[in-house]
Amino acid sequence: MVQAIVTISDHANRVLNIVKAKYGLKDKSQAIELVAEKYEEEIMEPELRPEYVEKLNTLEKQKGIPFKSIAELKKIVED
């Protein structure tokens, strides 16, 4: 386990106290850990959200532009 001394704003401190109370946690370390886990689930892993899956399905249905060489691709992109 890693130990760290952190400086947080009064607002962040109040938020952590609320998280701690809401989930019945022992200390703010557990509250920080919970917030980090939620952040990871909801923000760092967007592929799990339905909007992301829908976007992927839309992209898979799109057709690409065929090209035979890099020069031909460059010409298509620059035009």
PDB file of N, CA and C in Angstrom:
ATOM      1  N   MET A   1       0.842  -1.171   0.000  1.00  0.00           N
ATOM      2  CA  MET A   1       0.000   0.000   0.000  1.00  0.00           C
ATOM      3  C   MET A   1       0.889   1.237   0.000  1.00  0.00           C
ATOM      4  N   VAL A   2       0.502   2.233  -0.766  1.00  0.00           N
ATOM      5  CA  VAL A   2       1.258   3.476  -0.884  1.00  0.00           C
ATOM      6  C   VAL A   2       0.666   4.501   0.067  1.00  0.00           C
ATOM      7  N   GLN A   3       1.534   5.233   0.749  1.00  0.00           N
ATOM      8  CA  GLN A   3       1.084   6.319   1.600  1.00  0.00           C
ATOM      9  C   GLN A   3       1.461   7.628   0.948  1.00  0.00           C
ATOM     10  N   ALA A   4       0.550   8.623   1.058  1.00  0.00           N
ATOM     11  CA  ALA A   4       0.818   9.914   0.445  1.00  0.00           C
ATOM     12  C   ALA A   4       0.241  11.027   1.311  1.00  0.00           C
ATOM     13  N   ILE A   5       0.944  12.121   1.355  1.00  0.00           N
ATOM     14  CA  ILE A   5       0.419  13.313   2.014  1.00  0.00           C
ATOM     15  C   ILE A   5      -0.113  14.187   0.888  1.00  0.00           C
ATOM     16  N   VAL A   6      -1.396  14.542   0.987  1.00  0.00           N
ATOM     17  CA  VAL A   6      -2.022  15.331  -0.077  1.00  0.00           C
ATOM     18  C   VAL A   6      -2.591  16.617   0.503  1.00  0.00           C
ATOM     19  N   THR A   7      -2.634  17.628  -0.334  1.00  0.00           N
ATOM     20  CA  THR A   7      -3.257  18.886   0.025  1.00  0.00           C
ATOM     21  C   THR A   7      -4.495  19.032  -0.845  1.00  0.00           C
ATOM     22  N   ILE A   8      -5.651  19.180  -0.227  1.00  0.00           N
ATOM     23  CA  ILE A   8      -6.900  19.318  -0.966  1.00  0.00           C
ATOM     24  C   ILE A   8      -7.647  20.561  -0.490  1.00  0.00           C
ATOM     25  N   SER A   9      -8.546  21.026  -1.325  1.00  0.00           N
ATOM     26  CA  SER A   9      -9.333  22.209  -0.968  1.00  0.00           C
ATOM     27  C   SER A   9     -10.372  21.852   0.094  1.00  0.00           C
ATOM     28  N   ASP A  10     -10.949  22.871   0.698  1.00  0.00           N
ATOM     29  CA  ASP A  10     -12.012  22.645   1.686  1.00  0.00           C
ATOM     30  C   ASP A  10     -13.199  21.941   1.041  1.00  0.00           C
ATOM     31  N   HIS A  11     -13.501  22.321  -0.188  1.00  0.00           N
ATOM     32  CA  HIS A  11     -14.627  21.700  -0.899  1.00  0.00           C
ATOM     33  C   HIS A  11     -14.376  20.204  -1.114  1.00  0.00           C
ATOM     34  N   ALA A  12     -13.184  19.867  -1.578  1.00  0.00           N
ATOM     35  CA  ALA A  12     -12.842  18.460  -1.795  1.00  0.00           C
ATOM     36  C   ALA A  12     -12.888  17.695  -0.476  1.00  0.00           C
ATOM     37  N   ASN A  13     -12.465  18.323   0.592  1.00  0.00           N
ATOM     38  CA  ASN A  13     -12.515  17.699   1.911  1.00  0.00           C
ATOM     39  C   ASN A  13     -13.957  17.409   2.313  1.00  0.00           C
ATOM     40  N   ARG A  14     -14.863  18.362   2.060  1.00  0.00           N
ATOM     41  CA  ARG A  14     -16.282  18.142   2.382  1.00  0.00           C
ATOM     42  C   ARG A  14     -16.859  17.011   1.544  1.00  0.00           C
ATOM     43  N   VAL A  15     -16.497  16.985   0.269  1.00  0.00           N
ATOM     44  CA  VAL A  15     -16.981  15.916  -0.612  1.00  0.00           C
ATOM     45  C   VAL A  15     -16.507  14.559  -0.099  1.00  0.00           C
ATOM     46  N   LEU A  16     -15.256  14.462   0.281  1.00  0.00           N
ATOM     47  CA  LEU A  16     -14.735  13.194   0.806  1.00  0.00           C
ATOM     48  C   LEU A  16     -15.435  12.796   2.108  1.00  0.00           C
ATOM     49  N   ASN A  17     -15.738  13.769   2.938  1.00  0.00           N
ATOM     50  CA  ASN A  17     -16.482  13.470   4.165  1.00  0.00           C
ATOM     51  C   ASN A  17     -17.874  12.937   3.850  1.00  0.00           C
ATOM     52  N   ILE A  18     -18.519  13.488   2.839  1.00  0.00           N
ATOM     53  CA  ILE A  18     -19.844  13.018   2.432  1.00  0.00           C
ATOM     54  C   ILE A  18     -19.748  11.592   1.895  1.00  0.00           C
ATOM     55  N   VAL A  19     -18.767  11.338   1.040  1.00  0.00           N
ATOM     56  CA  VAL A  19     -18.565   9.989   0.484  1.00  0.00           C
ATOM     57  C   VAL A  19     -18.300   9.008   1.623  1.00  0.00           C
ATOM     58  N   LYS A  20     -17.456   9.409   2.547  1.00  0.00           N
ATOM     59  CA  LYS A  20     -17.116   8.565   3.697  1.00  0.00           C
ATOM     60  C   LYS A  20     -18.367   8.210   4.498  1.00  0.00           C
ATOM     61  N   ALA A  21     -19.204   9.206   4.762  1.00  0.00           N
ATOM     62  CA  ALA A  21     -20.425   8.972   5.543  1.00  0.00           C
ATOM     63  C   ALA A  21     -21.442   8.150   4.759  1.00  0.00           C
ATOM     64  N   LYS A  22     -21.621   8.475   3.493  1.00  0.00           N
ATOM     65  CA  LYS A  22     -22.627   7.794   2.677  1.00  0.00           C
ATOM     66  C   LYS A  22     -22.354   6.300   2.556  1.00  0.00           C
ATOM     67  N   TYR A  23     -21.087   5.934   2.393  1.00  0.00           N
ATOM     68  CA  TYR A  23     -20.736   4.536   2.190  1.00  0.00           C
ATOM     69  C   TYR A  23     -20.245   3.850   3.466  1.00  0.00           C
ATOM     70  N   GLY A  24     -20.304   4.545   4.588  1.00  0.00           N
ATOM     71  CA  GLY A  24     -19.907   3.947   5.867  1.00  0.00           C
ATOM     72  C   GLY A  24     -18.436   3.555   5.918  1.00  0.00           C
ATOM     73  N   LEU A  25     -17.584   4.380   5.363  1.00  0.00           N
ATOM     74  CA  LEU A  25     -16.151   4.079   5.321  1.00  0.00           C
ATOM     75  C   LEU A  25     -15.468   4.516   6.611  1.00  0.00           C
ATOM     76  N   LYS A  26     -14.320   3.903   6.910  1.00  0.00           N
ATOM     77  CA  LYS A  26     -13.605   4.197   8.150  1.00  0.00           C
ATOM     78  C   LYS A  26     -12.867   5.533   8.098  1.00  0.00           C
ATOM     79  N   ASP A  27     -12.241   5.802   6.957  1.00  0.00           N
ATOM     80  CA  ASP A  27     -11.439   7.014   6.864  1.00  0.00           C
ATOM     81  C   ASP A  27     -11.458   7.595   5.450  1.00  0.00           C
ATOM     82  N   LYS A  28     -10.814   8.747   5.304  1.00  0.00           N
ATOM     83  CA  LYS A  28     -10.797   9.425   4.006  1.00  0.00           C
ATOM     84  C   LYS A  28      -9.983   8.663   2.971  1.00  0.00           C
ATOM     85  N   SER A  29      -9.040   7.843   3.422  1.00  0.00           N
ATOM     86  CA  SER A  29      -8.261   7.036   2.478  1.00  0.00           C
ATOM     87  C   SER A  29      -9.187   6.105   1.702  1.00  0.00           C
ATOM     88  N   GLN A  30     -10.123   5.501   2.402  1.00  0.00           N
ATOM     89  CA  GLN A  30     -11.084   4.627   1.731  1.00  0.00           C
ATOM     90  C   GLN A  30     -11.990   5.437   0.806  1.00  0.00           C
ATOM     91  N   ALA A  31     -12.343   6.659   1.218  1.00  0.00           N
ATOM     92  CA  ALA A  31     -13.172   7.525   0.370  1.00  0.00           C
ATOM     93  C   ALA A  31     -12.432   7.896  -0.908  1.00  0.00           C
ATOM     94  N   ILE A  32     -11.160   8.211  -0.780  1.00  0.00           N
ATOM     95  CA  ILE A  32     -10.353   8.550  -1.966  1.00  0.00           C
ATOM     96  C   ILE A  32     -10.261   7.337  -2.884  1.00  0.00           C
ATOM     97  N   GLU A  33     -10.053   6.171  -2.309  1.00  0.00           N
ATOM     98  CA  GLU A  33      -9.966   4.945  -3.105  1.00  0.00           C
ATOM     99  C   GLU A  33     -11.269   4.680  -3.854  1.00  0.00           C
ATOM    100  N   LEU A  34     -12.396   4.878  -3.182  1.00  0.00           N
ATOM    101  CA  LEU A  34     -13.703   4.681  -3.811  1.00  0.00           C
ATOM    102  C   LEU A  34     -13.917   5.666  -4.957  1.00  0.00           C
ATOM    103  N   VAL A  35     -13.578   6.929  -4.725  1.00  0.00           N
ATOM    104  CA  VAL A  35     -13.718   7.945  -5.770  1.00  0.00           C
ATOM    105  C   VAL A  35     -12.827   7.596  -6.961  1.00  0.00           C
ATOM    106  N   ALA A  36     -11.625   7.129  -6.709  1.00  0.00           N
ATOM    107  CA  ALA A  36     -10.716   6.740  -7.798  1.00  0.00           C
ATOM    108  C   ALA A  36     -11.284   5.566  -8.589  1.00  0.00           C
ATOM    109  N   GLU A  37     -11.876   4.594  -7.904  1.00  0.00           N
ATOM    110  CA  GLU A  37     -12.475   3.447  -8.592  1.00  0.00           C
ATOM    111  C   GLU A  37     -13.642   3.887  -9.470  1.00  0.00           C
ATOM    112  N   LYS A  38     -14.480   4.769  -8.932  1.00  0.00           N
ATOM    113  CA  LYS A  38     -15.633   5.274  -9.706  1.00  0.00           C
ATOM    114  C   LYS A  38     -15.149   6.049 -10.926  1.00  0.00           C
ATOM    115  N   TYR A  39     -14.104   6.845 -10.756  1.00  0.00           N
ATOM    116  CA  TYR A  39     -13.532   7.599 -11.865  1.00  0.00           C
ATOM    117  C   TYR A  39     -13.041   6.644 -12.949  1.00  0.00           C
ATOM    118  N   GLU A  40     -12.360   5.606 -12.528  1.00  0.00           N
ATOM    119  CA  GLU A  40     -11.839   4.623 -13.485  1.00  0.00           C
ATOM    120  C   GLU A  40     -12.976   3.967 -14.262  1.00  0.00           C
ATOM    121  N   GLU A  41     -14.027   3.576 -13.559  1.00  0.00           N
ATOM    122  CA  GLU A  41     -15.156   2.899 -14.204  1.00  0.00           C
ATOM    123  C   GLU A  41     -15.891   3.793 -15.178  1.00  0.00           C
ATOM    124  N   GLU A  42     -16.138   5.031 -14.775  1.00  0.00           N
ATOM    125  CA  GLU A  42     -17.012   5.899 -15.554  1.00  0.00           C
ATOM    126  C   GLU A  42     -16.295   6.767 -16.561  1.00  0.00           C
ATOM    127  N   ILE A  43     -15.048   7.106 -16.315  1.00  0.00           N
ATOM    128  CA  ILE A  43     -14.366   8.035 -17.202  1.00  0.00           C
ATOM    129  C   ILE A  43     -13.233   7.382 -17.976  1.00  0.00           C
ATOM    130  N   MET A  44     -12.465   6.550 -17.338  1.00  0.00           N
ATOM    131  CA  MET A  44     -11.310   5.953 -18.012  1.00  0.00           C
ATOM    132  C   MET A  44     -11.686   4.771 -18.896  1.00  0.00           C
ATOM    133  N   GLU A  45     -12.858   4.177 -18.692  1.00  0.00           N
ATOM    134  CA  GLU A  45     -13.254   3.024 -19.479  1.00  0.00           C
ATOM    135  C   GLU A  45     -14.553   3.290 -20.234  1.00  0.00           C
ATOM    136  N   PRO A  46     -14.505   4.239 -21.186  1.00  0.00           N
ATOM    137  CA  PRO A  46     -15.744   4.583 -21.895  1.00  0.00           C
ATOM    138  C   PRO A  46     -16.267   3.459 -22.779  1.00  0.00           C
ATOM    139  N   GLU A  47     -15.426   2.498 -23.114  1.00  0.00           N
ATOM    140  CA  GLU A  47     -15.869   1.415 -23.983  1.00  0.00           C
ATOM    141  C   GLU A  47     -16.971   0.579 -23.341  1.00  0.00           C
ATOM    142  N   LEU A  48     -17.168   0.727 -22.049  1.00  0.00           N
ATOM    143  CA  LEU A  48     -18.215  -0.025 -21.375  1.00  0.00           C
ATOM    144  C   LEU A  48     -19.571   0.684 -21.453  1.00  0.00           C
ATOM    145  N   ARG A  49     -19.572   1.950 -21.821  1.00  0.00           N
ATOM    146  CA  ARG A  49     -20.831   2.694 -21.876  1.00  0.00           C
ATOM    147  C   ARG A  49     -21.557   2.414 -23.181  1.00  0.00           C
ATOM    148  N   PRO A  50     -22.882   2.383 -23.145  1.00  0.00           N
ATOM    149  CA  PRO A  50     -23.686   2.089 -24.340  1.00  0.00           C
ATOM    150  C   PRO A  50     -23.447   3.080 -25.479  1.00  0.00           C
ATOM    151  N   GLU A  51     -23.201   4.362 -25.155  1.00  0.00           N
ATOM    152  CA  GLU A  51     -22.955   5.354 -26.211  1.00  0.00           C
ATOM    153  C   GLU A  51     -21.702   4.991 -27.025  1.00  0.00           C
ATOM    154  N   TYR A  52     -20.686   4.476 -26.330  1.00  0.00           N
ATOM    155  CA  TYR A  52     -19.443   4.110 -26.992  1.00  0.00           C
ATOM    156  C   TYR A  52     -19.666   2.915 -27.912  1.00  0.00           C
ATOM    157  N   VAL A  53     -20.415   1.935 -27.442  1.00  0.00           N
ATOM    158  CA  VAL A  53     -20.707   0.752 -28.258  1.00  0.00           C
ATOM    159  C   VAL A  53     -21.498   1.161 -29.497  1.00  0.00           C
ATOM    160  N   GLU A  54     -22.457   2.068 -29.324  1.00  0.00           N
ATOM    161  CA  GLU A  54     -23.244   2.556 -30.462  1.00  0.00           C
ATOM    162  C   GLU A  54     -22.353   3.282 -31.472  1.00  0.00           C
ATOM    163  N   LYS A  55     -21.430   4.082 -30.973  1.00  0.00           N
ATOM    164  CA  LYS A  55     -20.503   4.796 -31.851  1.00  0.00           C
ATOM    165  C   LYS A  55     -19.628   3.811 -32.624  1.00  0.00           C
ATOM    166  N   LEU A  56     -19.145   2.772 -31.943  1.00  0.00           N
ATOM    167  CA  LEU A  56     -18.335   1.757 -32.622  1.00  0.00           C
ATOM    168  C   LEU A  56     -19.125   1.053 -33.719  1.00  0.00           C
ATOM    169  N   ASN A  57     -20.381   0.724 -33.430  1.00  0.00           N
ATOM    170  CA  ASN A  57     -21.217   0.067 -34.431  1.00  0.00           C
ATOM    171  C   ASN A  57     -21.413   0.958 -35.646  1.00  0.00           C
ATOM    172  N   THR A  58     -21.602   2.252 -35.423  1.00  0.00           N
ATOM    173  CA  THR A  58     -21.746   3.203 -36.527  1.00  0.00           C
ATOM    174  C   THR A  58     -20.474   3.257 -37.357  1.00  0.00           C
ATOM    175  N   LEU A  59     -19.326   3.294 -36.703  1.00  0.00           N
ATOM    176  CA  LEU A  59     -18.051   3.348 -37.415  1.00  0.00           C
ATOM    177  C   LEU A  59     -17.797   2.077 -38.224  1.00  0.00           C
ATOM    178  N   GLU A  60     -18.198   0.938 -37.668  1.00  0.00           N
ATOM    179  CA  GLU A  60     -17.993  -0.328 -38.381  1.00  0.00           C
ATOM    180  C   GLU A  60     -18.822  -0.396 -39.670  1.00  0.00           C
ATOM    181  N   LYS A  61     -19.958   0.268 -39.693  1.00  0.00           N
ATOM    182  CA  LYS A  61     -20.830   0.244 -40.871  1.00  0.00           C
ATOM    183  C   LYS A  61     -20.330   1.165 -41.980  1.00  0.00           C
ATOM    184  N   GLN A  62     -19.467   2.127 -41.646  1.00  0.00           N
ATOM    185  CA  GLN A  62     -18.963   3.055 -42.649  1.00  0.00           C
ATOM    186  C   GLN A  62     -17.974   2.342 -43.572  1.00  0.00           C
ATOM    187  N   LYS A  63     -17.991   2.763 -44.816  1.00  0.00           N
ATOM    188  CA  LYS A  63     -17.049   2.186 -45.778  1.00  0.00           C
ATOM    189  C   LYS A  63     -15.860   3.120 -45.928  1.00  0.00           C
ATOM    190  N   GLY A  64     -14.713   2.551 -46.103  1.00  0.00           N
ATOM    191  CA  GLY A  64     -13.498   3.332 -46.278  1.00  0.00           C
ATOM    192  C   GLY A  64     -13.294   3.730 -47.728  1.00  0.00           C
ATOM    193  N   ILE A  65     -12.269   4.499 -47.956  1.00  0.00           N
ATOM    194  CA  ILE A  65     -11.912   4.918 -49.306  1.00  0.00           C
ATOM    195  C   ILE A  65     -10.742   4.045 -49.756  1.00  0.00           C
ATOM    196  N   PRO A  66     -10.932   3.278 -50.829  1.00  0.00           N
ATOM    197  CA  PRO A  66      -9.833   2.422 -51.286  1.00  0.00           C
ATOM    198  C   PRO A  66      -8.706   3.240 -51.938  1.00  0.00           C
ATOM    199  N   PHE A  67      -7.478   2.803 -51.734  1.00  0.00           N
ATOM    200  CA  PHE A  67      -6.323   3.431 -52.363  1.00  0.00           C
ATOM    201  C   PHE A  67      -5.265   2.360 -52.579  1.00  0.00           C
ATOM    202  N   LYS A  68      -4.417   2.613 -53.570  1.00  0.00           N
ATOM    203  CA  LYS A  68      -3.423   1.615 -53.940  1.00  0.00           C
ATOM    204  C   LYS A  68      -2.031   1.925 -53.416  1.00  0.00           C
ATOM    205  N   SER A  69      -1.782   3.193 -53.098  1.00  0.00           N
ATOM    206  CA  SER A  69      -0.457   3.565 -52.619  1.00  0.00           C
ATOM    207  C   SER A  69      -0.580   4.747 -51.659  1.00  0.00           C
ATOM    208  N   ILE A  70       0.496   5.012 -50.973  1.00  0.00           N
ATOM    209  CA  ILE A  70       0.532   6.141 -50.051  1.00  0.00           C
ATOM    210  C   ILE A  70       0.367   7.448 -50.814  1.00  0.00           C
ATOM    211  N   ALA A  71       0.950   7.521 -51.985  1.00  0.00           N
ATOM    212  CA  ALA A  71       0.835   8.730 -52.800  1.00  0.00           C
ATOM    213  C   ALA A  71      -0.629   8.988 -53.167  1.00  0.00           C
ATOM    214  N   GLU A  72      -1.348   7.927 -53.520  1.00  0.00           N
ATOM    215  CA  GLU A  72      -2.766   8.065 -53.865  1.00  0.00           C
ATOM    216  C   GLU A  72      -3.579   8.502 -52.642  1.00  0.00           C
ATOM    217  N   LEU A  73      -3.282   7.930 -51.505  1.00  0.00           N
ATOM    218  CA  LEU A  73      -3.954   8.324 -50.265  1.00  0.00           C
ATOM    219  C   LEU A  73      -3.668   9.793 -49.929  1.00  0.00           C
ATOM    220  N   LYS A  74      -2.426  10.188 -50.073  1.00  0.00           N
ATOM    221  CA  LYS A  74      -2.047  11.566 -49.802  1.00  0.00           C
ATOM    222  C   LYS A  74      -2.818  12.523 -50.703  1.00  0.00           C
ATOM    223  N   LYS A  75      -2.977  12.149 -51.972  1.00  0.00           N
ATOM    224  CA  LYS A  75      -3.715  12.978 -52.919  1.00  0.00           C
ATOM    225  C   LYS A  75      -5.184  13.096 -52.507  1.00  0.00           C
ATOM    226  N   ILE A  76      -5.774  11.987 -52.075  1.00  0.00           N
ATOM    227  CA  ILE A  76      -7.179  11.982 -51.641  1.00  0.00           C
ATOM    228  C   ILE A  76      -7.358  12.872 -50.411  1.00  0.00           C
ATOM    229  N   VAL A  77      -6.451  12.750 -49.454  1.00  0.00           N
ATOM    230  CA  VAL A  77      -6.560  13.502 -48.205  1.00  0.00           C
ATOM    231  C   VAL A  77      -6.359  14.993 -48.444  1.00  0.00           C
ATOM    232  N   GLU A  78      -5.412  15.352 -49.300  1.00  0.00           N
ATOM    233  CA  GLU A  78      -5.097  16.753 -49.517  1.00  0.00           C
ATOM    234  C   GLU A  78      -6.126  17.456 -50.408  1.00  0.00           C
ATOM    235  N   ASP A  79      -6.909  16.731 -51.172  1.00  0.00           N
ATOM    236  CA  ASP A  79      -7.906  17.368 -52.044  1.00  0.00           C
ATOM    237  C   ASP A  79      -9.136  17.770 -51.318  1.00  0.00           C
TER     238      ASP A  79
END
